[in-house]
């Protein structure tokens, strides 16, 4: 059901984006305000665009939402607060926590709106880290940063040591 809802959201998102672009073009008088004059085939073009958007909307969620593994060494008690702090520093707030599983949402309303409220990142604890599910670009970015942050925190200063004094 999530997939269907995402596809419908994208369909409307694409149409709203098209409407905004066309409104701007009409306001600056780059195109006429009549749909029959705006497009070569008039209203038939609108149906063709709708079919195109429907196809793209049906396929896009497959590639835009992923489930990936993040390596997070240590016990859950050790990495739990570090993970929450890292996510908070990236503009996310802890939404829910059930056992060792956590979900995060973006704090700023504007960012949530631009992502059609599909900004949730779900962290499921696995043996050697987390399985993170969410929007592809956010998931990849968060995994890289979280792994680095947890690895840096494990060294507790070793990464900043002064080699010249050794």
Protein backbone atom coordinates (compact mmCIF):
# COMPACT_ATOMS: atom_id res chain seq x y z
CA UNK A 1 0.00 0.00 0.00
CA UNK A 2 2.92 2.36 0.76
CA UNK A 3 4.17 1.94 -2.80
CA UNK A 4 0.79 2.86 -4.29
CA UNK A 5 0.47 5.94 -2.05
CA UNK A 6 3.98 7.07 -3.02
CA UNK A 7 3.17 6.62 -6.72
CA UNK A 8 -0.01 8.70 -6.38
CA UNK A 9 1.89 11.40 -4.47
CA UNK A 10 4.48 11.60 -7.22
CA UNK A 11 1.80 11.79 -9.88
CA UNK A 12 0.22 14.83 -8.22
CA UNK A 13 3.63 16.29 -7.36
CA UNK A 14 4.64 16.21 -11.05
CA UNK A 15 1.37 17.86 -12.09
CA UNK A 16 1.70 20.57 -9.46
CA UNK A 17 5.26 21.22 -10.59
CA UNK A 18 4.11 21.41 -14.23
CA UNK A 19 1.29 23.79 -13.28
CA UNK A 20 3.70 26.08 -11.42
CA UNK A 21 6.12 26.13 -14.35
CA UNK A 22 3.34 26.80 -16.85
CA UNK A 23 1.87 29.55 -14.63
CA UNK A 24 5.25 31.27 -14.46
CA UNK A 25 5.62 31.03 -18.24
CA UNK A 26 2.15 32.53 -18.71
CA UNK A 27 2.87 35.32 -16.20
CA UNK A 28 6.06 36.33 -17.99
CA UNK A 29 4.17 36.04 -21.27
CA UNK A 30 6.51 33.39 -22.70
CA UNK A 31 3.51 31.28 -23.71
CA UNK A 32 -0.15 32.10 -24.32
CA UNK A 33 -2.64 31.44 -21.53
CA UNK A 34 -4.91 29.20 -23.59
CA UNK A 35 -4.14 25.45 -23.40
CA UNK A 36 -5.06 24.97 -27.06
CA UNK A 37 -2.40 27.50 -27.99
CA UNK A 38 0.06 26.48 -25.28
CA UNK A 39 0.48 22.90 -26.54
CA UNK A 40 0.62 21.69 -30.14
CA UNK A 41 -2.25 19.21 -29.68
CA UNK A 42 -4.16 21.24 -27.09
CA UNK A 43 -6.01 19.18 -24.50
CA UNK A 44 -4.83 15.95 -26.11
CA UNK A 45 -1.31 16.94 -25.03
CA UNK A 46 -2.52 17.24 -21.44
CA UNK A 47 -3.72 13.62 -21.57
CA UNK A 48 -0.40 12.53 -23.07
CA UNK A 49 1.47 14.34 -20.29
CA UNK A 50 -0.81 12.69 -17.70
CA UNK A 51 -0.03 9.23 -19.12
CA UNK A 52 3.69 10.04 -19.12
CA UNK A 53 3.51 11.23 -15.49
CA UNK A 54 1.54 8.10 -14.52
CA UNK A 55 4.23 5.84 -15.97
CA UNK A 56 7.06 7.77 -14.32
CA UNK A 57 5.15 7.89 -11.01
CA UNK A 58 4.57 4.14 -11.10
CA UNK A 59 8.27 3.38 -11.62
CA UNK A 60 9.98 6.11 -9.58
CA UNK A 61 9.32 4.71 -6.06
CA UNK A 62 11.20 1.52 -6.99
CA UNK A 63 14.41 3.49 -7.35
CA UNK A 64 13.86 6.25 -4.83
CA UNK A 65 13.28 4.16 -1.67
CA UNK A 66 15.83 1.65 -0.46
CA UNK A 67 16.80 -0.56 2.43
CA UNK A 68 20.55 -0.59 3.12
CA UNK A 69 22.83 -1.85 5.84
CA UNK A 70 24.93 0.46 8.01
CA UNK A 71 27.84 -1.01 9.93
CA UNK A 72 27.69 0.17 13.54
CA UNK A 73 30.13 -1.67 15.80
CA UNK A 74 29.38 -2.16 19.45
CA UNK A 75 26.47 -2.85 21.71
CA UNK A 76 23.18 -1.08 21.17
CA UNK A 77 23.48 0.79 24.47
CA UNK A 78 26.79 2.24 23.27
CA UNK A 79 25.67 3.36 19.80
CA UNK A 80 22.09 4.34 20.65
CA UNK A 81 22.71 7.86 21.94
CA UNK A 82 25.50 8.49 19.41
CA UNK A 83 23.06 7.62 16.62
CA UNK A 84 20.37 9.94 18.00
CA UNK A 85 22.93 12.76 18.38
CA UNK A 86 24.22 12.24 14.85
CA UNK A 87 20.71 12.29 13.37
CA UNK A 88 19.79 15.37 15.40
CA UNK A 89 22.84 17.14 14.01
CA UNK A 90 21.60 16.34 10.49
CA UNK A 91 18.16 17.89 11.04
CA UNK A 92 16.27 14.76 12.07
CA UNK A 93 14.28 14.16 15.23
CA UNK A 94 13.55 10.82 16.85
CA UNK A 95 9.94 9.98 16.01
CA UNK A 96 9.48 6.55 17.57
CA UNK A 97 11.55 3.99 19.38
CA UNK A 98 10.42 0.40 19.83
CA UNK A 99 13.03 -1.80 21.45
CA UNK A 100 16.16 -1.40 19.37
CA UNK A 101 14.32 -0.01 16.32
CA UNK A 102 14.07 3.74 15.75
CA UNK A 103 12.42 6.04 13.21
CA UNK A 104 13.51 9.58 12.44
CA UNK A 105 11.77 12.44 10.61
CA UNK A 106 13.11 15.74 9.33
CA UNK A 107 12.55 18.63 11.75
CA UNK A 108 11.92 21.55 9.35
CA UNK A 109 8.39 21.52 7.92
CA UNK A 110 9.55 23.00 4.60
CA UNK A 111 11.96 20.11 3.95
CA UNK A 112 9.26 17.60 4.83
CA UNK A 113 6.86 19.34 2.44
CA UNK A 114 9.34 19.33 -0.45
CA UNK A 115 9.73 15.58 0.06
CA UNK A 116 5.96 15.06 0.17
CA UNK A 117 6.26 13.92 3.80
CA UNK A 118 8.20 10.85 2.62
CA UNK A 119 11.19 11.72 4.79
CA UNK A 120 11.03 8.92 7.38
CA UNK A 121 14.20 6.92 8.01
CA UNK A 122 13.67 3.60 9.78
CA UNK A 123 16.58 2.06 11.69
CA UNK A 124 16.19 -1.66 12.46
CA UNK A 125 18.91 -3.13 14.66
CA UNK A 126 20.72 -6.10 13.18
CA UNK A 127 23.76 -8.04 14.43
CA UNK A 128 26.50 -5.69 13.26
CA UNK A 129 24.66 -2.41 12.83
CA UNK A 130 21.40 -1.12 11.42
CA UNK A 131 19.26 -1.80 8.41
CA UNK A 132 18.12 1.66 7.32
CA UNK A 133 15.09 2.17 5.10
CA UNK A 134 14.11 5.47 3.52
CA UNK A 135 14.58 7.77 0.54
CA UNK A 136 17.61 6.63 -1.44
CA UNK A 137 19.69 9.81 -1.37
CA UNK A 138 19.07 10.40 2.35
CA UNK A 139 19.75 6.79 3.26
CA UNK A 140 23.09 6.67 1.45
CA UNK A 141 24.17 10.03 2.88
CA UNK A 142 23.16 9.11 6.44
CA UNK A 143 24.84 5.68 6.29
CA UNK A 144 28.17 7.14 5.19
CA UNK A 145 28.12 9.84 7.83
CA UNK A 146 26.86 7.60 10.63
CA UNK A 147 29.47 4.92 9.96
CA UNK A 148 32.19 7.57 9.96
CA UNK A 149 30.85 9.22 13.13
CA UNK A 150 30.62 5.93 15.02
CA UNK A 151 34.07 4.86 13.83
CA UNK A 152 35.55 8.24 14.84
CA UNK A 153 33.91 8.09 18.25
CA UNK A 154 35.32 4.61 18.85
CA UNK A 155 38.86 5.94 18.49
CA UNK A 156 38.21 8.72 21.04
CA UNK A 157 40.82 11.16 19.89
CA UNK A 158 43.09 8.83 17.92
CA UNK A 159 42.00 10.48 14.69
CA UNK A 160 43.23 13.87 15.89
CA UNK A 161 46.55 12.84 17.44
CA UNK A 162 49.63 14.86 16.70
CA UNK A 163 52.00 12.62 14.77
CA UNK A 164 54.85 15.17 15.01
CA UNK A 165 55.04 14.71 18.80
CA UNK A 166 55.36 10.93 18.67
